[in-house]
Amino acid sequence: MKPTSTNRTILLIEDERPLVSVIKAKLINAGFDVVTARTIDQGLGYMEDIEAIEAVWLDHYLPGNKTGLDFIATLKAPGSKWVNAPVFVVSNTASDANLRTYLRLGVTKYFVKAEHRLDEISNDIKTFLDSEQE
């Protein structure tokens, strides 16, 4: 599947429907096309099917048996075609163990929702991707 616009495409993996709408609006306002997923399996399916995904906004806690760590472990596994994909974890909590594990697995940045405004996170992702193109 190819993008229909010239905007960058971001995969938003978040299960709280009201929050998805707000985050999606912030990302669109920052100049992104947004694909949304509610589970790890759905997110991995989109990564496989949509070539244009350039970054991932990932919540740690999602319904089902898999967490954001499972998603990252798959994405960043040796030999994965997504090993260099930028992933931004945005979670309600930041236990030291989870934070260390995410960083060790290669996430780009970890945000705690209570410490950052959503538009700040969206703009940070845009700034990161813009710097990667230079």
C-alpha atoms as a PDB file:
ATOM      1  CA  MET A   1       0.000   0.000   0.000  1.00  0.00           C
ATOM      2  CA  LYS A   2       1.408   3.420  -0.962  1.00  0.00           C
ATOM      3  CA  PRO A   3       0.660   6.794   0.647  1.00  0.00           C
ATOM      4  CA  THR A   4      -1.827   9.081  -1.074  1.00  0.00           C
ATOM      5  CA  SER A   5      -0.174  12.324   0.039  1.00  0.00           C
ATOM      6  CA  THR A   6       3.329  13.672   0.455  1.00  0.00           C
ATOM      7  CA  ASN A   7       3.059  13.682   4.251  1.00  0.00           C
ATOM      8  CA  ARG A   8       5.053  11.230   6.321  1.00  0.00           C
ATOM      9  CA  THR A   9       3.057   8.317   7.664  1.00  0.00           C
ATOM     10  CA  ILE A  10       3.114   7.397  11.331  1.00  0.00           C
ATOM     11  CA  LEU A  11       1.645   4.296  12.902  1.00  0.00           C
ATOM     12  CA  LEU A  12      -0.194   5.138  16.124  1.00  0.00           C
ATOM     13  CA  ILE A  13      -0.618   2.122  18.395  1.00  0.00           C
ATOM     14  CA  GLU A  14      -2.935   3.131  21.240  1.00  0.00           C
ATOM     15  CA  ASP A  15      -5.999   1.405  22.683  1.00  0.00           C
ATOM     16  CA  GLU A  16      -7.893   4.267  24.368  1.00  0.00           C
ATOM     17  CA  ARG A  17     -10.343   5.430  21.676  1.00  0.00           C
ATOM     18  CA  PRO A  18     -10.831   9.020  22.956  1.00  0.00           C
ATOM     19  CA  LEU A  19      -7.069   9.416  23.249  1.00  0.00           C
ATOM     20  CA  VAL A  20      -6.548   8.017  19.737  1.00  0.00           C
ATOM     21  CA  SER A  21      -8.749  10.773  18.301  1.00  0.00           C
ATOM     22  CA  VAL A  22      -6.846  13.509  20.119  1.00  0.00           C
ATOM     23  CA  ILE A  23      -3.394  12.104  19.289  1.00  0.00           C
ATOM     24  CA  LYS A  24      -4.382  11.567  15.659  1.00  0.00           C
ATOM     25  CA  ALA A  25      -5.517  15.200  15.390  1.00  0.00           C
ATOM     26  CA  LYS A  26      -2.211  16.406  16.887  1.00  0.00           C
ATOM     27  CA  LEU A  27      -0.212  14.258  14.473  1.00  0.00           C
ATOM     28  CA  ILE A  28      -2.238  15.418  11.473  1.00  0.00           C
ATOM     29  CA  ASN A  29      -1.731  19.014  12.630  1.00  0.00           C
ATOM     30  CA  ALA A  30       2.040  18.318  12.739  1.00  0.00           C
ATOM     31  CA  GLY A  31       1.888  17.179   9.092  1.00  0.00           C
ATOM     32  CA  PHE A  32       1.550  13.403   9.346  1.00  0.00           C
ATOM     33  CA  ASP A  33      -0.732  10.870   7.740  1.00  0.00           C
ATOM     34  CA  VAL A  34      -1.842   8.540  10.528  1.00  0.00           C
ATOM     35  CA  VAL A  35      -2.599   4.823  10.591  1.00  0.00           C
ATOM     36  CA  THR A  36      -4.090   3.626  13.885  1.00  0.00           C
ATOM     37  CA  ALA A  37      -3.893   0.236  15.566  1.00  0.00           C
ATOM     38  CA  ARG A  38      -5.300  -0.921  18.897  1.00  0.00           C
ATOM     39  CA  THR A  39      -3.217  -4.068  19.441  1.00  0.00           C
ATOM     40  CA  ILE A  40       0.345  -5.237  18.890  1.00  0.00           C
ATOM     41  CA  ASP A  41      -0.735  -7.809  16.297  1.00  0.00           C
ATOM     42  CA  GLN A  42      -2.707  -5.203  14.350  1.00  0.00           C
ATOM     43  CA  GLY A  43       0.286  -2.835  14.473  1.00  0.00           C
ATOM     44  CA  LEU A  44       2.668  -5.521  13.210  1.00  0.00           C
ATOM     45  CA  GLY A  45       0.218  -6.315  10.418  1.00  0.00           C
ATOM     46  CA  TYR A  46       0.202  -2.680   9.326  1.00  0.00           C
ATOM     47  CA  MET A  47       4.014  -2.569   9.435  1.00  0.00           C
ATOM     48  CA  GLU A  48       4.036  -5.534   7.071  1.00  0.00           C
ATOM     49  CA  ASP A  49       1.311  -4.220   4.735  1.00  0.00           C
ATOM     50  CA  ILE A  50       1.967  -0.471   4.549  1.00  0.00           C
ATOM     51  CA  GLU A  51       5.349   0.372   3.067  1.00  0.00           C
ATOM     52  CA  ALA A  52       5.074   4.088   3.808  1.00  0.00           C
ATOM     53  CA  ILE A  53       5.178   3.941   7.627  1.00  0.00           C
ATOM     54  CA  GLU A  54       8.138   6.088   8.658  1.00  0.00           C
ATOM     55  CA  ALA A  55       7.735   6.139  12.443  1.00  0.00           C
ATOM     56  CA  VAL A  56       5.728   4.525  15.243  1.00  0.00           C
ATOM     57  CA  TRP A  57       3.965   6.094  18.240  1.00  0.00           C
ATOM     58  CA  LEU A  58       3.614   3.189  20.672  1.00  0.00           C
ATOM     59  CA  ASP A  59       1.732   2.888  23.964  1.00  0.00           C
ATOM     60  CA  HIS A  60       3.228   0.288  26.296  1.00  0.00           C
ATOM     61  CA  TYR A  61      -0.021  -1.071  27.735  1.00  0.00           C
ATOM     62  CA  LEU A  62      -2.409  -2.532  25.166  1.00  0.00           C
ATOM     63  CA  PRO A  63      -5.157  -5.146  25.236  1.00  0.00           C
ATOM     64  CA  GLY A  64      -4.155  -8.732  24.679  1.00  0.00           C
ATOM     65  CA  ASN A  65      -1.200 -10.762  25.801  1.00  0.00           C
ATOM     66  CA  LYS A  66       1.453  -8.572  24.178  1.00  0.00           C
ATOM     67  CA  THR A  67       2.926  -5.286  25.358  1.00  0.00           C
ATOM     68  CA  GLY A  68       4.905  -2.610  23.609  1.00  0.00           C
ATOM     69  CA  LEU A  69       8.055  -4.523  24.526  1.00  0.00           C
ATOM     70  CA  ASP A  70       6.865  -7.443  22.393  1.00  0.00           C
ATOM     71  CA  PHE A  71       6.320  -5.051  19.480  1.00  0.00           C
ATOM     72  CA  ILE A  72       9.805  -3.563  19.844  1.00  0.00           C
ATOM     73  CA  ALA A  73      11.425  -6.981  20.198  1.00  0.00           C
ATOM     74  CA  THR A  74       9.886  -8.003  16.854  1.00  0.00           C
ATOM     75  CA  LEU A  75      10.656  -4.717  15.088  1.00  0.00           C
ATOM     76  CA  LYS A  76      14.241  -4.472  16.279  1.00  0.00           C
ATOM     77  CA  ALA A  77      15.174  -8.159  15.956  1.00  0.00           C
ATOM     78  CA  PRO A  78      18.396  -8.813  14.025  1.00  0.00           C
ATOM     79  CA  GLY A  79      17.612  -9.060  10.328  1.00  0.00           C
ATOM     80  CA  SER A  80      14.273  -7.274  10.645  1.00  0.00           C
ATOM     81  CA  LYS A  81      13.506  -4.886   7.800  1.00  0.00           C
ATOM     82  CA  TRP A  82      12.292  -2.409  10.451  1.00  0.00           C
ATOM     83  CA  VAL A  83      15.396  -2.483  12.642  1.00  0.00           C
ATOM     84  CA  ASN A  84      16.080   1.208  11.867  1.00  0.00           C
ATOM     85  CA  ALA A  85      12.464   2.397  12.109  1.00  0.00           C
ATOM     86  CA  PRO A  86      12.106   5.210  14.648  1.00  0.00           C
ATOM     87  CA  VAL A  87       9.797   4.232  17.504  1.00  0.00           C
ATOM     88  CA  PHE A  88       8.531   6.658  20.119  1.00  0.00           C
ATOM     89  CA  VAL A  89       7.101   5.010  23.214  1.00  0.00           C
ATOM     90  CA  VAL A  90       4.444   7.111  24.925  1.00  0.00           C
ATOM     91  CA  SER A  91       3.202   5.553  28.145  1.00  0.00           C
ATOM     92  CA  ASN A  92       1.418   6.401  31.376  1.00  0.00           C
ATOM     93  CA  THR A  93       4.328   5.113  33.444  1.00  0.00           C
ATOM     94  CA  ALA A  94       8.070   4.770  33.206  1.00  0.00           C
ATOM     95  CA  SER A  95       9.396   2.027  35.417  1.00  0.00           C
ATOM     96  CA  ASP A  96      13.181   1.948  35.399  1.00  0.00           C
ATOM     97  CA  ALA A  97      13.144  -1.647  34.153  1.00  0.00           C
ATOM     98  CA  ASN A  98      10.812  -0.904  31.216  1.00  0.00           C
ATOM     99  CA  LEU A  99      12.667   2.262  30.292  1.00  0.00           C
ATOM    100  CA  ARG A 100      16.046   0.482  30.277  1.00  0.00           C
ATOM    101  CA  THR A 101      14.644  -2.415  28.251  1.00  0.00           C
ATOM    102  CA  TYR A 102      13.051  -0.129  25.649  1.00  0.00           C
ATOM    103  CA  LEU A 103      16.258   1.856  25.255  1.00  0.00           C
ATOM    104  CA  ARG A 104      18.367  -1.315  25.059  1.00  0.00           C
ATOM    105  CA  LEU A 105      16.061  -2.646  22.326  1.00  0.00           C
ATOM    106  CA  GLY A 106      16.538   0.536  20.298  1.00  0.00           C
ATOM    107  CA  VAL A 107      13.547   2.842  20.742  1.00  0.00           C
ATOM    108  CA  THR A 108      14.181   6.391  19.635  1.00  0.00           C
ATOM    109  CA  LYS A 109      12.642   8.085  22.660  1.00  0.00           C
ATOM    110  CA  TYR A 110      10.421   7.274  25.659  1.00  0.00           C
ATOM    111  CA  PHE A 111       7.793   9.785  26.818  1.00  0.00           C
ATOM    112  CA  VAL A 112       5.646   9.694  29.941  1.00  0.00           C
ATOM    113  CA  LYS A 113       2.225  11.103  29.025  1.00  0.00           C
ATOM    114  CA  ALA A 114       1.855  13.048  32.273  1.00  0.00           C
ATOM    115  CA  GLU A 115       5.169  14.838  31.692  1.00  0.00           C
ATOM    116  CA  HIS A 116       4.657  15.922  28.057  1.00  0.00           C
ATOM    117  CA  ARG A 117       1.857  17.564  26.103  1.00  0.00           C
ATOM    118  CA  LEU A 118       0.683  15.608  23.075  1.00  0.00           C
ATOM    119  CA  ASP A 119       1.526  18.426  20.660  1.00  0.00           C
ATOM    120  CA  GLU A 120       5.027  18.567  22.181  1.00  0.00           C
ATOM    121  CA  ILE A 121       5.498  14.852  21.476  1.00  0.00           C
ATOM    122  CA  SER A 122       4.119  15.231  17.927  1.00  0.00           C
ATOM    123  CA  ASN A 123       6.463  18.120  17.213  1.00  0.00           C
ATOM    124  CA  ASP A 124       9.406  16.230  18.707  1.00  0.00           C
ATOM    125  CA  ILE A 125       8.734  13.315  16.356  1.00  0.00           C
ATOM    126  CA  LYS A 126       8.496  15.698  13.384  1.00  0.00           C
ATOM    127  CA  THR A 127      11.751  17.410  14.388  1.00  0.00           C
ATOM    128  CA  PHE A 128      13.487  14.051  14.685  1.00  0.00           C
ATOM    129  CA  LEU A 129      12.315  12.900  11.245  1.00  0.00           C
ATOM    130  CA  ASP A 130      13.225  16.249   9.684  1.00  0.00           C
ATOM    131  CA  SER A 131      16.759  15.973  11.100  1.00  0.00           C
ATOM    132  CA  GLU A 132      17.070  12.445   9.688  1.00  0.00           C
ATOM    133  CA  GLN A 133      16.432  13.783   6.170  1.00  0.00           C
ATOM    134  CA  GLU A 134      19.189  16.391   6.323  1.00  0.00           C
END
